[in-house]
């Protein structure tokens, strides 16, 4: 159903109206960081953008195409906000519009300076039939700065790209990263274990794959899926050599700490003696007062304007866009490159 409050069709008959917003949506459901960005808009536009973003997040799993339309509606009045471009990218990706998603993620990266969506960008390259470019993204310098979950997601995408190219052994090797630990379970471990098992099967190593598939189930149980509070890390096995190394490291740290304490004690005694001697000679001076300028430094950065980051991506728009590309109103011809999260990379 079109949104009756969207009057765009009166001025632009070639445009469809925005989708209807549920009556219970206020826009206040968004996280604080996103709300902070939206407050920079005029009040009426801010409410419009916020409510459409909430709808996009509500529908992305079950109705990704409709979620994409809501994100597009938000971009028509808030297209300069990083959170809005992120929402358009994620919903476009979920709906299978990989060209649109890739351009939105590039714009998000230019605005925010964040590479958090690098794995999804690589998967968009796969979706556009360009596994070689997906591997280029995985080998990029920016990929080295991802956190552990991000590196896992990127490795899974790279493994899929290798399989797209028929390189089955290389697909297995892409997943043999430090995070692949059969004795420990992190939040990303079940997904990584299953991806590794699938790669092993594709390479004809079914016996090894069965072990990892079983361990994926063990990891899920250890992490307590469906339980509100999940541990960050769970030991799934006992490694005698690792425990011996950890114990040796603890002893070395303890010895270093003891030596440092003795050195500090001796230095303090020597310093005290020197101070007494200088005082007796009438040359001891008190420490100068702290610089008042240091106290005047404003450490509250909440209201500081974020810097603008230029993209280092020289890809052309034509490289990324699909044939059914949708134009965006109100963006003055811009490229259409922590609202929505948790979108899994596309797997074979």
C-alpha atoms as a PDB file:
ATOM      1  CA  UNK A   1       0.000   0.000   0.000  1.00  0.00           C
ATOM      2  CA  UNK A   2       1.379   3.446  -0.872  1.00  0.00           C
ATOM      3  CA  UNK A   3       1.922   6.001   1.832  1.00  0.00           C
ATOM      4  CA  UNK A   4      -0.899   8.542   1.624  1.00  0.00           C
ATOM      5  CA  UNK A   5       1.317  11.200   3.236  1.00  0.00           C
ATOM      6  CA  UNK A   6       3.857  10.945   0.455  1.00  0.00           C
ATOM      7  CA  UNK A   7       2.917  13.713  -1.983  1.00  0.00           C
ATOM      8  CA  UNK A   8       5.830  13.131  -4.322  1.00  0.00           C
ATOM      9  CA  UNK A   9       3.557  11.582  -6.951  1.00  0.00           C
ATOM     10  CA  UNK A  10       1.726  14.929  -7.279  1.00  0.00           C
ATOM     11  CA  UNK A  11       4.925  16.565  -8.512  1.00  0.00           C
ATOM     12  CA  UNK A  12       6.604  13.579 -10.123  1.00  0.00           C
ATOM     13  CA  UNK A  13       4.047  11.234 -11.727  1.00  0.00           C
ATOM     14  CA  UNK A  14       6.891   9.022 -12.924  1.00  0.00           C
ATOM     15  CA  UNK A  15       7.674   8.105  -9.315  1.00  0.00           C
ATOM     16  CA  UNK A  16       5.969   5.580  -7.104  1.00  0.00           C
ATOM     17  CA  UNK A  17       4.827   6.548  -3.663  1.00  0.00           C
ATOM     18  CA  UNK A  18       6.649   5.401  -0.554  1.00  0.00           C
ATOM     19  CA  UNK A  19       5.333   2.287   1.233  1.00  0.00           C
ATOM     20  CA  UNK A  20       2.960   2.701   4.136  1.00  0.00           C
ATOM     21  CA  UNK A  21       4.363   2.933   7.667  1.00  0.00           C
ATOM     22  CA  UNK A  22       2.831   0.847  10.475  1.00  0.00           C
ATOM     23  CA  UNK A  23       0.824   2.926  12.916  1.00  0.00           C
ATOM     24  CA  UNK A  24       2.799   1.729  15.938  1.00  0.00           C
ATOM     25  CA  UNK A  25       6.117   2.991  14.535  1.00  0.00           C
ATOM     26  CA  UNK A  26       7.288   6.263  16.083  1.00  0.00           C
ATOM     27  CA  UNK A  27      10.931   6.406  15.002  1.00  0.00           C
ATOM     28  CA  UNK A  28      12.135   6.368  18.575  1.00  0.00           C
ATOM     29  CA  UNK A  29      12.849   2.640  18.244  1.00  0.00           C
ATOM     30  CA  UNK A  30      16.185   3.433  16.590  1.00  0.00           C
ATOM     31  CA  UNK A  31      19.470   3.171  18.468  1.00  0.00           C
ATOM     32  CA  UNK A  32      20.906   6.329  20.006  1.00  0.00           C
ATOM     33  CA  UNK A  33      23.729   6.704  17.479  1.00  0.00           C
ATOM     34  CA  UNK A  34      21.290   6.699  14.557  1.00  0.00           C
ATOM     35  CA  UNK A  35      18.937   9.080  16.336  1.00  0.00           C
ATOM     36  CA  UNK A  36      21.860  11.442  16.903  1.00  0.00           C
ATOM     37  CA  UNK A  37      22.509  11.559  13.144  1.00  0.00           C
ATOM     38  CA  UNK A  38      18.849  12.088  12.291  1.00  0.00           C
ATOM     39  CA  UNK A  39      18.578  15.057  14.676  1.00  0.00           C
ATOM     40  CA  UNK A  40      20.616  17.068  12.200  1.00  0.00           C
ATOM     41  CA  UNK A  41      17.616  17.071   9.843  1.00  0.00           C
ATOM     42  CA  UNK A  42      14.608  19.380   9.932  1.00  0.00           C
ATOM     43  CA  UNK A  43      12.090  17.998  12.428  1.00  0.00           C
ATOM     44  CA  UNK A  44       9.478  16.838   9.927  1.00  0.00           C
ATOM     45  CA  UNK A  45      12.088  15.207   7.692  1.00  0.00           C
ATOM     46  CA  UNK A  46      13.724  13.649  10.739  1.00  0.00           C
ATOM     47  CA  UNK A  47      10.507  11.913  11.756  1.00  0.00           C
ATOM     48  CA  UNK A  48       9.932  10.716   8.194  1.00  0.00           C
ATOM     49  CA  UNK A  49      13.437   9.269   7.901  1.00  0.00           C
ATOM     50  CA  UNK A  50      13.374   7.652  11.350  1.00  0.00           C
ATOM     51  CA  UNK A  51      10.055   5.889  10.820  1.00  0.00           C
ATOM     52  CA  UNK A  52      11.053   4.526   7.422  1.00  0.00           C
ATOM     53  CA  UNK A  53      14.338   3.258   8.862  1.00  0.00           C
ATOM     54  CA  UNK A  54      12.454   1.443  11.602  1.00  0.00           C
ATOM     55  CA  UNK A  55      10.240  -0.189   8.982  1.00  0.00           C
ATOM     56  CA  UNK A  56      13.303  -1.198   6.960  1.00  0.00           C
ATOM     57  CA  UNK A  57      14.797  -2.903   9.999  1.00  0.00           C
ATOM     58  CA  UNK A  58      11.491  -4.572  10.832  1.00  0.00           C
ATOM     59  CA  UNK A  59      11.032  -6.075   7.358  1.00  0.00           C
ATOM     60  CA  UNK A  60      14.539  -6.877   6.187  1.00  0.00           C
ATOM     61  CA  UNK A  61      14.455 -10.562   7.145  1.00  0.00           C
ATOM     62  CA  UNK A  62      10.947 -11.457   5.950  1.00  0.00           C
ATOM     63  CA  UNK A  63      10.260  -8.925   3.177  1.00  0.00           C
ATOM     64  CA  UNK A  64      13.624  -7.576   1.996  1.00  0.00           C
ATOM     65  CA  UNK A  65      12.234  -5.942  -1.152  1.00  0.00           C
ATOM     66  CA  UNK A  66       9.702  -3.936   0.847  1.00  0.00           C
ATOM     67  CA  UNK A  67      12.419  -3.096   3.374  1.00  0.00           C
ATOM     68  CA  UNK A  68      14.512  -1.798   0.475  1.00  0.00           C
ATOM     69  CA  UNK A  69      11.656   0.488  -0.607  1.00  0.00           C
ATOM     70  CA  UNK A  70      11.401   1.884   2.936  1.00  0.00           C
ATOM     71  CA  UNK A  71      15.156   2.550   2.971  1.00  0.00           C
ATOM     72  CA  UNK A  72      14.861   4.312  -0.380  1.00  0.00           C
ATOM     73  CA  UNK A  73      12.076   6.474   1.052  1.00  0.00           C
ATOM     74  CA  UNK A  74      14.327   7.422   3.968  1.00  0.00           C
ATOM     75  CA  UNK A  75      17.156   8.298   1.581  1.00  0.00           C
ATOM     76  CA  UNK A  76      14.991  10.821  -0.270  1.00  0.00           C
ATOM     77  CA  UNK A  77      15.047  13.097   2.766  1.00  0.00           C
ATOM     78  CA  UNK A  78      18.172  11.920   4.587  1.00  0.00           C
ATOM     79  CA  UNK A  79      20.532  10.733   1.866  1.00  0.00           C
ATOM     80  CA  UNK A  80      23.538  12.549   3.346  1.00  0.00           C
ATOM     81  CA  UNK A  81      23.429  10.539   6.576  1.00  0.00           C
ATOM     82  CA  UNK A  82      25.717   7.537   6.935  1.00  0.00           C
ATOM     83  CA  UNK A  83      23.052   5.498   8.760  1.00  0.00           C
ATOM     84  CA  UNK A  84      20.600   6.009   5.902  1.00  0.00           C
ATOM     85  CA  UNK A  85      23.069   4.952   3.207  1.00  0.00           C
ATOM     86  CA  UNK A  86      23.984   1.946   5.331  1.00  0.00           C
ATOM     87  CA  UNK A  87      20.300   0.993   5.540  1.00  0.00           C
ATOM     88  CA  UNK A  88      19.856   1.262   1.779  1.00  0.00           C
ATOM     89  CA  UNK A  89      22.942  -0.885   1.226  1.00  0.00           C
ATOM     90  CA  UNK A  90      21.904  -3.611   3.632  1.00  0.00           C
ATOM     91  CA  UNK A  91      18.335  -3.840   2.372  1.00  0.00           C
ATOM     92  CA  UNK A  92      19.487  -3.797  -1.251  1.00  0.00           C
ATOM     93  CA  UNK A  93      21.899  -6.628  -0.442  1.00  0.00           C
ATOM     94  CA  UNK A  94      19.167  -8.615   1.280  1.00  0.00           C
ATOM     95  CA  UNK A  95      16.872  -8.101  -1.727  1.00  0.00           C
ATOM     96  CA  UNK A  96      19.561  -9.240  -4.173  1.00  0.00           C
ATOM     97  CA  UNK A  97      20.245  -5.833  -5.748  1.00  0.00           C
ATOM     98  CA  UNK A  98      23.999  -6.234  -5.530  1.00  0.00           C
ATOM     99  CA  UNK A  99      24.921  -3.312  -7.768  1.00  0.00           C
ATOM    100  CA  UNK A 100      22.830  -0.898  -5.717  1.00  0.00           C
ATOM    101  CA  UNK A 101      24.162  -2.373  -2.487  1.00  0.00           C
ATOM    102  CA  UNK A 102      27.787  -2.034  -3.574  1.00  0.00           C
ATOM    103  CA  UNK A 103      27.396   1.623  -4.505  1.00  0.00           C
ATOM    104  CA  UNK A 104      25.600   2.406  -1.248  1.00  0.00           C
ATOM    105  CA  UNK A 105      28.301   0.740   0.835  1.00  0.00           C
ATOM    106  CA  UNK A 106      30.955   2.752  -1.014  1.00  0.00           C
ATOM    107  CA  UNK A 107      29.081   5.944  -0.213  1.00  0.00           C
ATOM    108  CA  UNK A 108      28.676   4.856   3.408  1.00  0.00           C
ATOM    109  CA  UNK A 109      32.430   4.270   3.591  1.00  0.00           C
ATOM    110  CA  UNK A 110      33.161   7.745   2.189  1.00  0.00           C
ATOM    111  CA  UNK A 111      30.830   9.400   4.713  1.00  0.00           C
ATOM    112  CA  UNK A 112      31.738   7.390   7.808  1.00  0.00           C
ATOM    113  CA  UNK A 113      35.297   6.248   7.108  1.00  0.00           C
ATOM    114  CA  UNK A 114      34.325   2.754   8.274  1.00  0.00           C
ATOM    115  CA  UNK A 115      35.219  -0.507   6.494  1.00  0.00           C
ATOM    116  CA  UNK A 116      32.860  -2.604   8.603  1.00  0.00           C
ATOM    117  CA  UNK A 117      30.870  -3.706   5.534  1.00  0.00           C
ATOM    118  CA  UNK A 118      33.901  -4.828   3.543  1.00  0.00           C
ATOM    119  CA  UNK A 119      32.835  -8.527   3.673  1.00  0.00           C
ATOM    120  CA  UNK A 120      29.397  -7.661   2.286  1.00  0.00           C
ATOM    121  CA  UNK A 121      30.983  -5.549  -0.433  1.00  0.00           C
ATOM    122  CA  UNK A 122      33.120  -8.530  -1.432  1.00  0.00           C
ATOM    123  CA  UNK A 123      30.034 -10.726  -1.508  1.00  0.00           C
ATOM    124  CA  UNK A 124      28.291  -8.168  -3.741  1.00  0.00           C
ATOM    125  CA  UNK A 125      31.156  -8.629  -6.189  1.00  0.00           C
ATOM    126  CA  UNK A 126      30.423 -12.347  -6.154  1.00  0.00           C
ATOM    127  CA  UNK A 127      26.746 -11.640  -6.708  1.00  0.00           C
ATOM    128  CA  UNK A 128      27.654  -9.568  -9.756  1.00  0.00           C
ATOM    129  CA  UNK A 129      29.650 -12.494 -11.144  1.00  0.00           C
ATOM    130  CA  UNK A 130      33.073 -11.050 -10.306  1.00  0.00           C
ATOM    131  CA  UNK A 131      34.791 -13.505  -7.913  1.00  0.00           C
ATOM    132  CA  UNK A 132      38.223 -12.143  -8.837  1.00  0.00           C
ATOM    133  CA  UNK A 133      37.250  -8.720  -7.513  1.00  0.00           C
ATOM    134  CA  UNK A 134      35.883 -10.341  -4.355  1.00  0.00           C
ATOM    135  CA  UNK A 135      39.323 -11.848  -3.777  1.00  0.00           C
ATOM    136  CA  UNK A 136      40.930  -8.453  -4.388  1.00  0.00           C
ATOM    137  CA  UNK A 137      38.757  -7.014  -1.611  1.00  0.00           C
ATOM    138  CA  UNK A 138      39.759  -9.866   0.706  1.00  0.00           C
ATOM    139  CA  UNK A 139      43.450  -9.164   0.046  1.00  0.00           C
ATOM    140  CA  UNK A 140      43.130  -5.383   0.413  1.00  0.00           C
ATOM    141  CA  UNK A 141      44.956  -3.388   3.064  1.00  0.00           C
ATOM    142  CA  UNK A 142      41.637  -2.340   4.623  1.00  0.00           C
ATOM    143  CA  UNK A 143      40.789  -5.976   5.294  1.00  0.00           C
ATOM    144  CA  UNK A 144      43.653  -6.232   7.774  1.00  0.00           C
ATOM    145  CA  UNK A 145      41.930  -3.761  10.105  1.00  0.00           C
ATOM    146  CA  UNK A 146      38.702  -5.753  10.490  1.00  0.00           C
ATOM    147  CA  UNK A 147      37.833  -7.268  13.859  1.00  0.00           C
ATOM    148  CA  UNK A 148      37.704 -11.052  14.335  1.00  0.00           C
ATOM    149  CA  UNK A 149      34.052 -11.506  13.219  1.00  0.00           C
ATOM    150  CA  UNK A 150      34.729  -9.319  10.176  1.00  0.00           C
ATOM    151  CA  UNK A 151      37.789 -11.355   9.214  1.00  0.00           C
ATOM    152  CA  UNK A 152      35.753 -14.549   9.536  1.00  0.00           C
ATOM    153  CA  UNK A 153      33.005 -13.201   7.272  1.00  0.00           C
ATOM    154  CA  UNK A 154      35.544 -12.048   4.704  1.00  0.00           C
ATOM    155  CA  UNK A 155      37.281 -15.435   4.757  1.00  0.00           C
ATOM    156  CA  UNK A 156      33.951 -17.165   4.132  1.00  0.00           C
ATOM    157  CA  UNK A 157      33.302 -14.888   1.162  1.00  0.00           C
ATOM    158  CA  UNK A 158      36.820 -15.481  -0.182  1.00  0.00           C
ATOM    159  CA  UNK A 159      36.324 -19.229   0.137  1.00  0.00           C
ATOM    160  CA  UNK A 160      33.093 -18.968  -1.837  1.00  0.00           C
ATOM    161  CA  UNK A 161      34.862 -16.940  -4.511  1.00  0.00           C
ATOM    162  CA  UNK A 162      37.504 -19.643  -4.829  1.00  0.00           C
ATOM    163  CA  UNK A 163      34.758 -22.219  -5.296  1.00  0.00           C
ATOM    164  CA  UNK A 164      33.157 -19.985  -7.933  1.00  0.00           C
ATOM    165  CA  UNK A 165      36.472 -20.205  -9.790  1.00  0.00           C
ATOM    166  CA  UNK A 166      36.663 -23.994  -9.339  1.00  0.00           C
ATOM    167  CA  UNK A 167      39.620 -23.776  -6.937  1.00  0.00           C
ATOM    168  CA  UNK A 168      38.434 -26.215  -4.284  1.00  0.00           C
ATOM    169  CA  UNK A 169      41.703 -26.713  -2.388  1.00  0.00           C
ATOM    170  CA  UNK A 170      42.246 -22.956  -2.297  1.00  0.00           C
ATOM    171  CA  UNK A 171      38.716 -22.577  -0.925  1.00  0.00           C
ATOM    172  CA  UNK A 172      39.709 -24.748   2.029  1.00  0.00           C
ATOM    173  CA  UNK A 173      42.918 -22.784   2.561  1.00  0.00           C
ATOM    174  CA  UNK A 174      41.032 -19.450   2.661  1.00  0.00           C
ATOM    175  CA  UNK A 175      39.256 -20.623   5.823  1.00  0.00           C
ATOM    176  CA  UNK A 176      42.332 -21.848   7.676  1.00  0.00           C
ATOM    177  CA  UNK A 177      42.676 -18.640   9.653  1.00  0.00           C
ATOM    178  CA  UNK A 178      43.606 -18.118  13.338  1.00  0.00           C
ATOM    179  CA  UNK A 179      39.910 -17.906  14.246  1.00  0.00           C
ATOM    180  CA  UNK A 180      39.388 -21.519  13.104  1.00  0.00           C
ATOM    181  CA  UNK A 181      39.947 -23.173  16.501  1.00  0.00           C
ATOM    182  CA  UNK A 182      38.196 -26.502  16.961  1.00  0.00           C
ATOM    183  CA  UNK A 183      38.636 -26.350  20.740  1.00  0.00           C
ATOM    184  CA  UNK A 184      36.985 -22.985  21.323  1.00  0.00           C
ATOM    185  CA  UNK A 185      33.658 -21.436  20.425  1.00  0.00           C
ATOM    186  CA  UNK A 186      33.138 -17.775  19.688  1.00  0.00           C
ATOM    187  CA  UNK A 187      29.964 -16.217  18.363  1.00  0.00           C
ATOM    188  CA  UNK A 188      31.192 -16.734  14.797  1.00  0.00           C
ATOM    189  CA  UNK A 189      32.515 -20.277  15.296  1.00  0.00           C
ATOM    190  CA  UNK A 190      29.457 -22.360  14.268  1.00  0.00           C
ATOM    191  CA  UNK A 191      29.179 -20.495  10.982  1.00  0.00           C
ATOM    192  CA  UNK A 192      32.919 -20.766  10.343  1.00  0.00           C
ATOM    193  CA  UNK A 193      32.973 -24.478  11.214  1.00  0.00           C
ATOM    194  CA  UNK A 194      30.131 -25.217   8.775  1.00  0.00           C
ATOM    195  CA  UNK A 195      31.715 -23.167   5.998  1.00  0.00           C
ATOM    196  CA  UNK A 196      34.956 -25.076   6.515  1.00  0.00           C
ATOM    197  CA  UNK A 197      33.086 -28.388   6.427  1.00  0.00           C
ATOM    198  CA  UNK A 198      31.377 -27.393   3.169  1.00  0.00           C
ATOM    199  CA  UNK A 199      34.716 -26.462   1.637  1.00  0.00           C
ATOM    200  CA  UNK A 200      36.202 -29.796   2.708  1.00  0.00           C
ATOM    201  CA  UNK A 201      33.305 -31.676   1.123  1.00  0.00           C
ATOM    202  CA  UNK A 202      33.747 -29.742  -2.122  1.00  0.00           C
ATOM    203  CA  UNK A 203      37.426 -30.745  -2.049  1.00  0.00           C
ATOM    204  CA  UNK A 204      36.517 -34.412  -1.550  1.00  0.00           C
ATOM    205  CA  UNK A 205      37.567 -34.613   2.112  1.00  0.00           C
ATOM    206  CA  UNK A 206      34.306 -35.891   3.589  1.00  0.00           C
ATOM    207  CA  UNK A 207      35.838 -37.604   6.637  1.00  0.00           C
ATOM    208  CA  UNK A 208      37.387 -34.359   7.864  1.00  0.00           C
ATOM    209  CA  UNK A 209      34.226 -32.439   7.052  1.00  0.00           C
ATOM    210  CA  UNK A 210      32.124 -34.692   9.292  1.00  0.00           C
ATOM    211  CA  UNK A 211      34.267 -33.807  12.296  1.00  0.00           C
ATOM    212  CA  UNK A 212      33.801 -30.068  11.747  1.00  0.00           C
ATOM    213  CA  UNK A 213      30.072 -30.400  11.185  1.00  0.00           C
ATOM    214  CA  UNK A 214      29.724 -32.175  14.509  1.00  0.00           C
ATOM    215  CA  UNK A 215      31.871 -29.579  16.220  1.00  0.00           C
ATOM    216  CA  UNK A 216      29.617 -26.827  14.848  1.00  0.00           C
ATOM    217  CA  UNK A 217      26.718 -28.406  16.765  1.00  0.00           C
ATOM    218  CA  UNK A 218      28.859 -28.668  19.890  1.00  0.00           C
ATOM    219  CA  UNK A 219      29.774 -25.011  19.571  1.00  0.00           C
ATOM    220  CA  UNK A 220      26.131 -23.959  19.211  1.00  0.00           C
ATOM    221  CA  UNK A 221      25.182 -25.897  22.331  1.00  0.00           C
ATOM    222  CA  UNK A 222      28.108 -24.465  24.272  1.00  0.00           C
ATOM    223  CA  UNK A 223      27.175 -20.931  23.265  1.00  0.00           C
ATOM    224  CA  UNK A 224      23.597 -21.516  24.397  1.00  0.00           C
ATOM    225  CA  UNK A 225      21.603 -20.555  21.337  1.00  0.00           C
ATOM    226  CA  UNK A 226      18.234 -19.135  22.339  1.00  0.00           C
ATOM    227  CA  UNK A 227      19.564 -18.108  25.764  1.00  0.00           C
ATOM    228  CA  UNK A 228      19.514 -14.397  26.562  1.00  0.00           C
ATOM    229  CA  UNK A 229      23.021 -14.242  27.933  1.00  0.00           C
ATOM    230  CA  UNK A 230      25.701 -15.915  25.853  1.00  0.00           C
ATOM    231  CA  UNK A 231      29.329 -16.298  26.935  1.00  0.00           C
ATOM    232  CA  UNK A 232      31.906 -14.606  24.754  1.00  0.00           C
ATOM    233  CA  UNK A 233      34.170 -17.629  24.685  1.00  0.00           C
ATOM    234  CA  UNK A 234      33.828 -21.267  25.739  1.00  0.00           C
ATOM    235  CA  UNK A 235      36.532 -23.935  25.926  1.00  0.00           C
ATOM    236  CA  UNK A 236      35.478 -27.002  23.964  1.00  0.00           C
ATOM    237  CA  UNK A 237      38.585 -29.027  24.611  1.00  0.00           C
ATOM    238  CA  UNK A 238      41.698 -29.257  26.773  1.00  0.00           C
ATOM    239  CA  UNK A 239      45.033 -28.570  25.128  1.00  0.00           C
ATOM    240  CA  UNK A 240      47.913 -29.740  27.326  1.00  0.00           C
ATOM    241  CA  UNK A 241      50.598 -27.964  25.318  1.00  0.00           C
ATOM    242  CA  UNK A 242      48.672 -24.708  25.245  1.00  0.00           C
ATOM    243  CA  UNK A 243      48.067 -24.827  28.987  1.00  0.00           C
ATOM    244  CA  UNK A 244      51.785 -25.436  29.575  1.00  0.00           C
ATOM    245  CA  UNK A 245      52.628 -22.418  27.419  1.00  0.00           C
ATOM    246  CA  UNK A 246      50.127 -20.269  29.297  1.00  0.00           C
ATOM    247  CA  UNK A 247      51.549 -21.373  32.652  1.00  0.00           C
ATOM    248  CA  UNK A 248      55.091 -20.571  31.520  1.00  0.00           C
ATOM    249  CA  UNK A 249      53.940 -17.147  30.347  1.00  0.00           C
ATOM    250  CA  UNK A 250      52.285 -16.472  33.711  1.00  0.00           C
ATOM    251  CA  UNK A 251      55.512 -17.355  35.505  1.00  0.00           C
ATOM    252  CA  UNK A 252      57.557 -15.066  33.236  1.00  0.00           C
ATOM    253  CA  UNK A 253      55.161 -12.200  33.875  1.00  0.00           C
ATOM    254  CA  UNK A 254      55.317 -12.820  37.610  1.00  0.00           C
ATOM    255  CA  UNK A 255      59.128 -12.839  37.585  1.00  0.00           C
ATOM    256  CA  UNK A 256      59.235  -9.634  35.528  1.00  0.00           C
ATOM    257  CA  UNK A 257      56.779  -7.988  37.907  1.00  0.00           C
ATOM    258  CA  UNK A 258      58.894  -8.969  40.928  1.00  0.00           C
ATOM    259  CA  UNK A 259      62.067  -7.654  39.308  1.00  0.00           C
ATOM    260  CA  UNK A 260      60.378  -4.409  38.363  1.00  0.00           C
ATOM    261  CA  UNK A 261      59.119  -3.929  41.927  1.00  0.00           C
ATOM    262  CA  UNK A 262      62.625  -4.398  43.368  1.00  0.00           C
ATOM    263  CA  UNK A 263      64.092  -1.970  40.855  1.00  0.00           C
ATOM    264  CA  UNK A 264      61.419   0.618  41.653  1.00  0.00           C
ATOM    265  CA  UNK A 265      62.060   0.278  45.391  1.00  0.00           C
ATOM    266  CA  UNK A 266      65.806   0.824  44.953  1.00  0.00           C
ATOM    267  CA  UNK A 267      65.232   3.811  42.675  1.00  0.00           C
ATOM    268  CA  UNK A 268      62.803   5.351  45.164  1.00  0.00           C
ATOM    269  CA  UNK A 269      65.370   5.049  47.950  1.00  0.00           C
ATOM    270  CA  UNK A 270      68.069   6.686  45.865  1.00  0.00           C
ATOM    271  CA  UNK A 271      65.745   9.490  44.838  1.00  0.00           C
ATOM    272  CA  UNK A 272      64.771  10.178  48.442  1.00  0.00           C
ATOM    273  CA  UNK A 273      68.421  10.456  49.436  1.00  0.00           C
ATOM    274  CA  UNK A 274      69.143  12.874  46.616  1.00  0.00           C
ATOM    275  CA  UNK A 275      66.159  15.023  47.575  1.00  0.00           C
ATOM    276  CA  UNK A 276      67.287  15.309  51.205  1.00  0.00           C
ATOM    277  CA  UNK A 277      70.782  16.274  50.136  1.00  0.00           C
ATOM    278  CA  UNK A 278      69.527  18.944  47.759  1.00  0.00           C
ATOM    279  CA  UNK A 279      67.208  20.340  50.414  1.00  0.00           C
ATOM    280  CA  UNK A 280      70.025  20.620  52.906  1.00  0.00           C
ATOM    281  CA  UNK A 281      72.036  22.562  50.345  1.00  0.00           C
ATOM    282  CA  UNK A 282      69.175  25.054  49.916  1.00  0.00           C
ATOM    283  CA  UNK A 283      68.719  24.270  46.206  1.00  0.00           C
ATOM    284  CA  UNK A 284      65.473  22.223  46.345  1.00  0.00           C
ATOM    285  CA  UNK A 285      62.583  23.823  44.377  1.00  0.00           C
ATOM    286  CA  UNK A 286      58.922  22.843  44.364  1.00  0.00           C
ATOM    287  CA  UNK A 287      57.317  21.516  41.171  1.00  0.00           C
ATOM    288  CA  UNK A 288      55.825  24.207  38.934  1.00  0.00           C
ATOM    289  CA  UNK A 289      52.019  24.481  38.886  1.00  0.00           C
ATOM    290  CA  UNK A 290      50.113  22.570  36.231  1.00  0.00           C
ATOM    291  CA  UNK A 291      49.373  24.467  33.062  1.00  0.00           C
ATOM    292  CA  UNK A 292      45.879  25.888  33.252  1.00  0.00           C
ATOM    293  CA  UNK A 293      45.472  25.325  29.524  1.00  0.00           C
ATOM    294  CA  UNK A 294      45.471  21.564  30.091  1.00  0.00           C
ATOM    295  CA  UNK A 295      42.464  21.893  32.331  1.00  0.00           C
ATOM    296  CA  UNK A 296      40.579  23.875  29.715  1.00  0.00           C
ATOM    297  CA  UNK A 297      40.672  21.080  27.132  1.00  0.00           C
ATOM    298  CA  UNK A 298      37.142  19.936  26.330  1.00  0.00           C
ATOM    299  CA  UNK A 299      37.069  16.153  26.445  1.00  0.00           C
ATOM    300  CA  UNK A 300      33.378  15.886  25.580  1.00  0.00           C
ATOM    301  CA  UNK A 301      33.441  14.785  21.962  1.00  0.00           C
ATOM    302  CA  UNK A 302      29.753  13.939  21.640  1.00  0.00           C
ATOM    303  CA  UNK A 303      28.948  17.266  20.000  1.00  0.00           C
ATOM    304  CA  UNK A 304      32.068  17.461  17.852  1.00  0.00           C
ATOM    305  CA  UNK A 305      31.449  17.344  14.129  1.00  0.00           C
ATOM    306  CA  UNK A 306      32.793  14.190  12.543  1.00  0.00           C
ATOM    307  CA  UNK A 307      35.404  14.540   9.837  1.00  0.00           C
ATOM    308  CA  UNK A 308      34.517  13.764   6.237  1.00  0.00           C
ATOM    309  CA  UNK A 309      36.385  10.896   4.685  1.00  0.00           C
ATOM    310  CA  UNK A 310      37.078  10.821   0.977  1.00  0.00           C
ATOM    311  CA  UNK A 311      36.793   7.424  -0.663  1.00  0.00           C
ATOM    312  CA  UNK A 312      39.893   5.783  -2.027  1.00  0.00           C
ATOM    313  CA  UNK A 313      37.765   3.619  -4.277  1.00  0.00           C
ATOM    314  CA  UNK A 314      38.179   4.587  -7.925  1.00  0.00           C
ATOM    315  CA  UNK A 315      35.528   2.162  -9.173  1.00  0.00           C
ATOM    316  CA  UNK A 316      33.139   3.723 -11.666  1.00  0.00           C
ATOM    317  CA  UNK A 317      29.414   3.828 -11.015  1.00  0.00           C
ATOM    318  CA  UNK A 318      28.760   1.840 -14.162  1.00  0.00           C
ATOM    319  CA  UNK A 319      30.839  -0.958 -12.701  1.00  0.00           C
ATOM    320  CA  UNK A 320      28.471  -1.501  -9.839  1.00  0.00           C
ATOM    321  CA  UNK A 321      24.998  -0.591 -10.999  1.00  0.00           C
ATOM    322  CA  UNK A 322      22.415  -3.063 -12.183  1.00  0.00           C
ATOM    323  CA  UNK A 323      20.169  -2.490 -15.175  1.00  0.00           C
ATOM    324  CA  UNK A 324      17.144  -1.908 -12.985  1.00  0.00           C
ATOM    325  CA  UNK A 325      18.935   0.904 -11.115  1.00  0.00           C
ATOM    326  CA  UNK A 326      16.632   3.194  -9.125  1.00  0.00           C
ATOM    327  CA  UNK A 327      17.359   6.915  -9.014  1.00  0.00           C
ATOM    328  CA  UNK A 328      17.290   8.767  -5.756  1.00  0.00           C
ATOM    329  CA  UNK A 329      15.555  12.118  -5.275  1.00  0.00           C
ATOM    330  CA  UNK A 330      17.149  14.979  -3.397  1.00  0.00           C
ATOM    331  CA  UNK A 331      20.752  13.730  -3.613  1.00  0.00           C
ATOM    332  CA  UNK A 332      21.891  16.283  -6.243  1.00  0.00           C
ATOM    333  CA  UNK A 333      23.309  13.563  -8.488  1.00  0.00           C
ATOM    334  CA  UNK A 334      25.462  11.933  -5.817  1.00  0.00           C
ATOM    335  CA  UNK A 335      26.676   8.383  -6.295  1.00  0.00           C
ATOM    336  CA  UNK A 336      24.181   6.101  -4.682  1.00  0.00           C
ATOM    337  CA  UNK A 337      26.609   3.869  -2.962  1.00  0.00           C
ATOM    338  CA  UNK A 338      24.108   0.999  13.119  1.00  0.00           C
ATOM    339  CA  UNK A 339      20.919   0.651  12.040  1.00  0.00           C
ATOM    340  CA  UNK A 340      20.808  -2.712  10.422  1.00  0.00           C
ATOM    341  CA  UNK A 341      23.196  -5.562  11.146  1.00  0.00           C
ATOM    342  CA  UNK A 342      23.559  -9.299  11.261  1.00  0.00           C
ATOM    343  CA  UNK A 343      23.195  -9.894   7.490  1.00  0.00           C
ATOM    344  CA  UNK A 344      25.029 -13.110   6.529  1.00  0.00           C
ATOM    345  CA  UNK A 345      27.204 -13.180   3.424  1.00  0.00           C
ATOM    346  CA  UNK A 346      25.632 -15.034   0.483  1.00  0.00           C
ATOM    347  CA  UNK A 347      26.812 -18.612   0.303  1.00  0.00           C
ATOM    348  CA  UNK A 348      26.594 -21.154  -2.489  1.00  0.00           C
END
